[in-house]
Amino acid sequence: MSKKVAVIMGSDSDFPIVKAALTELKKYGVEFECRVMSAHRTPAEAAEFASNAKDNGFGVIICAAGMAAHLAGVVAGHTTLPVIGIPMKSKALEGMDALLATVMMPPGVPVATVGIDGAKNAAVLAVQMLAVADEELSEKLIAEKKKMADGVREKDAKLQAEIANI
C-alpha cells in the first residue's frame, strides 16, 4: 500500500478549491488526511505535524495558502518529505503574492509549486511522486494519460470534420 498524502490548508476558506485535490486523490485510491493549520496562527502545530509526518505514514504533503503563503515553506522546513504548494487566489493581488511566496524558497528548502488555485495538479503531482515506488499507482497514471490523449484526438477529429464542411 502506498503512503498517505497530507493536505493542509491555511484557512477553511481554501476548502472549495482544495476539494479538487481530494477528489483527484480519491480517484487514484490514495489515502489522505486534510487539515487546517496556519503558519502564523498555529505555527507550533504546523511544525509538529510536519516533523512527524513521515513517521505517521505520509509520503507527500500538499499545502494550500494565500496572501503571505508561508505554510508550505514552514512545513518544508520541518520535514524531508516532498512538499507541494498551492498558492491561493486572494482579492488583493489575485494570488501573485501567494505564488511568489510559495515558489521563492531558500536553497535547501524546496517547495514544488503548482499554479494559482491548482489543487488538481497538486494532487496529480503527489500521485506521481508516490508512483515512483508504487507500480499500481503508476499504471493508473498511465491509463489516465491515455484517456486524456484519446480525448484530445476525439476533439481534433471533430474539428477536422467541421473544417472539411466549411
Protein backbone atom coordinates (compact mmCIF):
# COMPACT_ATOMS: atom_id res chain seq x y z
CA MET A 1 0.00 0.00 0.00
CA SER A 2 1.18 3.44 -0.89
CA LYS A 3 1.90 6.16 1.62
CA LYS A 4 -0.72 8.76 2.52
CA VAL A 5 -0.87 12.36 1.36
CA ALA A 6 -1.36 15.17 3.85
CA VAL A 7 -3.36 18.13 2.59
CA ILE A 8 -3.06 21.20 4.78
CA MET A 9 -4.94 24.46 4.27
CA GLY A 10 -4.05 27.75 5.89
CA SER A 11 -7.76 28.52 6.24
CA ASP A 12 -11.05 26.70 5.84
CA SER A 13 -11.93 29.30 3.19
CA ASP A 14 -9.45 27.44 0.94
CA PHE A 15 -11.59 24.28 1.00
CA PRO A 16 -13.73 24.98 -2.09
CA ILE A 17 -10.52 24.97 -4.20
CA VAL A 18 -8.67 22.28 -2.22
CA LYS A 19 -11.63 19.93 -2.62
CA ALA A 20 -10.47 19.29 -6.21
CA ALA A 21 -7.22 17.81 -4.83
CA LEU A 22 -9.13 15.49 -2.51
CA THR A 23 -11.39 14.36 -5.36
CA GLU A 24 -8.33 13.61 -7.50
CA LEU A 25 -6.58 11.68 -4.70
CA LYS A 26 -9.74 9.61 -4.19
CA LYS A 27 -9.88 8.89 -7.93
CA TYR A 28 -6.45 7.26 -7.68
CA GLY A 29 -7.31 5.47 -4.42
CA VAL A 30 -4.72 7.43 -2.43
CA GLU A 31 -5.41 7.75 1.27
CA PHE A 32 -5.21 11.31 2.60
CA GLU A 33 -5.72 13.42 5.66
CA CYS A 34 -6.94 17.01 5.28
CA ARG A 35 -6.33 19.62 8.00
CA VAL A 36 -6.46 23.37 8.65
CA MET A 37 -3.24 24.74 10.12
CA SER A 38 -1.72 28.17 9.90
CA ALA A 39 1.94 29.10 9.55
CA HIS A 40 1.15 32.25 11.53
CA ARG A 41 -1.69 31.41 13.93
CA THR A 42 -0.78 27.80 14.78
CA PRO A 43 2.92 27.57 13.88
CA ALA A 44 3.77 25.02 16.57
CA GLU A 45 1.02 22.67 15.36
CA ALA A 46 2.12 23.01 11.73
CA ALA A 47 5.75 22.35 12.69
CA GLU A 48 4.82 19.34 14.85
CA PHE A 49 2.63 17.86 12.10
CA ALA A 50 5.40 18.26 9.53
CA SER A 51 8.07 16.90 11.86
CA ASN A 52 6.06 13.75 12.49
CA ALA A 53 4.51 13.29 9.04
CA LYS A 54 6.96 10.66 7.79
CA ASP A 55 6.60 8.57 10.96
CA ASN A 56 2.81 8.89 10.62
CA GLY A 57 2.80 7.24 7.19
CA PHE A 58 2.74 10.24 4.89
CA GLY A 59 4.78 10.34 1.69
CA VAL A 60 3.91 13.80 0.38
CA ILE A 61 2.47 16.97 1.91
CA ILE A 62 0.31 19.43 -0.04
CA CYS A 63 -0.06 22.92 1.45
CA ALA A 64 -2.60 25.49 0.26
CA ALA A 65 -2.23 29.09 1.39
CA GLY A 66 -2.98 32.56 0.16
CA MET A 67 -1.70 36.05 0.82
CA ALA A 68 1.59 35.71 2.73
CA ALA A 69 1.52 31.97 1.90
CA HIS A 70 4.22 30.82 4.30
CA LEU A 71 2.58 27.49 5.12
CA ALA A 72 4.38 25.34 2.53
CA GLY A 73 7.75 26.84 3.44
CA VAL A 74 7.23 26.35 7.17
CA VAL A 75 6.17 22.75 6.57
CA ALA A 76 9.12 22.13 4.20
CA GLY A 77 11.47 23.47 6.85
CA HIS A 78 10.31 20.77 9.28
CA THR A 79 10.32 17.66 7.07
CA THR A 80 12.34 15.79 4.47
CA LEU A 81 9.16 14.73 2.64
CA PRO A 82 8.32 16.43 -0.65
CA VAL A 83 6.05 19.45 -0.15
CA ILE A 84 3.77 20.78 -2.88
CA GLY A 85 2.46 24.31 -2.53
CA ILE A 86 -0.87 25.54 -3.89
CA PRO A 87 -0.84 29.33 -4.00
CA MET A 88 -4.39 30.50 -3.39
CA LYS A 89 -6.02 33.41 -5.18
CA SER A 90 -6.87 36.36 -2.96
CA LYS A 91 -8.63 39.65 -3.59
CA ALA A 92 -5.69 42.00 -3.18
CA LEU A 93 -3.15 40.64 -5.67
CA GLU A 94 -5.10 37.85 -7.40
CA GLY A 95 -2.77 35.20 -5.94
CA MET A 96 0.51 36.58 -7.29
CA ASP A 97 1.66 37.29 -3.73
CA ALA A 98 0.95 33.69 -2.74
CA LEU A 99 2.61 32.35 -5.89
CA LEU A 100 5.82 34.26 -5.26
CA ALA A 101 5.86 33.45 -1.54
CA THR A 102 5.41 29.75 -2.30
CA VAL A 103 7.84 29.37 -5.18
CA MET A 104 10.70 31.57 -3.92
CA MET A 105 12.18 29.28 -1.29
CA PRO A 106 15.75 29.44 0.02
CA PRO A 107 18.33 26.87 -1.15
CA GLY A 108 17.88 23.52 0.57
CA VAL A 109 14.18 24.03 1.38
CA PRO A 110 12.36 23.35 -1.89
CA VAL A 111 8.62 23.53 -2.39
CA ALA A 112 7.21 22.17 -5.64
CA THR A 113 4.67 24.78 -6.65
CA VAL A 114 1.66 24.46 -8.91
CA GLY A 115 -0.30 27.31 -10.46
CA ILE A 116 -2.63 29.60 -8.55
CA ASP A 117 -5.59 27.55 -7.28
CA GLY A 118 -4.01 24.47 -8.95
CA ALA A 119 -5.33 21.90 -6.49
CA LYS A 120 -5.95 19.16 -9.06
CA ASN A 121 -2.39 19.43 -10.39
CA ALA A 122 -1.04 19.33 -6.83
CA ALA A 123 -2.84 16.03 -6.30
CA VAL A 124 -1.63 14.59 -9.61
CA LEU A 125 1.94 15.60 -8.75
CA ALA A 126 1.61 13.95 -5.33
CA VAL A 127 0.34 10.76 -7.01
CA GLN A 128 3.26 10.87 -9.46
CA MET A 129 5.69 11.18 -6.54
CA LEU A 130 4.15 8.21 -4.76
CA ALA A 131 4.02 6.22 -8.02
CA VAL A 132 7.83 6.16 -8.18
CA ALA A 133 7.64 3.35 -5.61
CA ASP A 134 4.13 2.05 -6.35
CA GLU A 135 3.54 0.20 -9.64
CA GLU A 136 -0.25 0.14 -9.19
CA LEU A 137 -0.37 3.94 -8.98
CA SER A 138 1.97 4.15 -11.94
CA GLU A 139 -0.42 2.04 -14.03
CA LYS A 140 -3.34 4.28 -13.02
CA LEU A 141 -1.39 7.35 -14.13
CA ILE A 142 -0.56 5.71 -17.48
CA ALA A 143 -4.24 4.90 -18.03
CA GLU A 144 -5.28 8.46 -17.17
CA LYS A 145 -2.71 9.96 -19.58
CA LYS A 146 -4.03 7.65 -22.33
CA LYS A 147 -7.59 8.74 -21.56
CA MET A 148 -6.60 12.42 -21.81
CA ALA A 149 -4.77 11.83 -25.11
CA ASP A 150 -7.76 9.94 -26.53
CA GLY A 151 -10.00 12.88 -25.57
CA VAL A 152 -7.75 15.31 -27.44
CA ARG A 153 -7.70 13.05 -30.51
CA GLU A 154 -11.52 12.89 -30.48
CA LYS A 155 -11.75 16.68 -30.32
CA ASP A 156 -9.27 17.00 -33.19
CA ALA A 157 -11.27 14.54 -35.30
CA LYS A 158 -14.46 16.59 -34.70
CA LEU A 159 -12.61 19.78 -35.61
CA GLN A 160 -11.23 18.26 -38.80
CA ALA A 161 -14.72 17.11 -39.80
CA GLU A 162 -16.10 20.59 -39.16
CA ILE A 163 -13.29 22.21 -41.16
CA ALA A 164 -13.92 19.83 -44.08
CA ASN A 165 -17.52 21.07 -44.21
CA ILE A 166 -16.61 24.75 -44.45
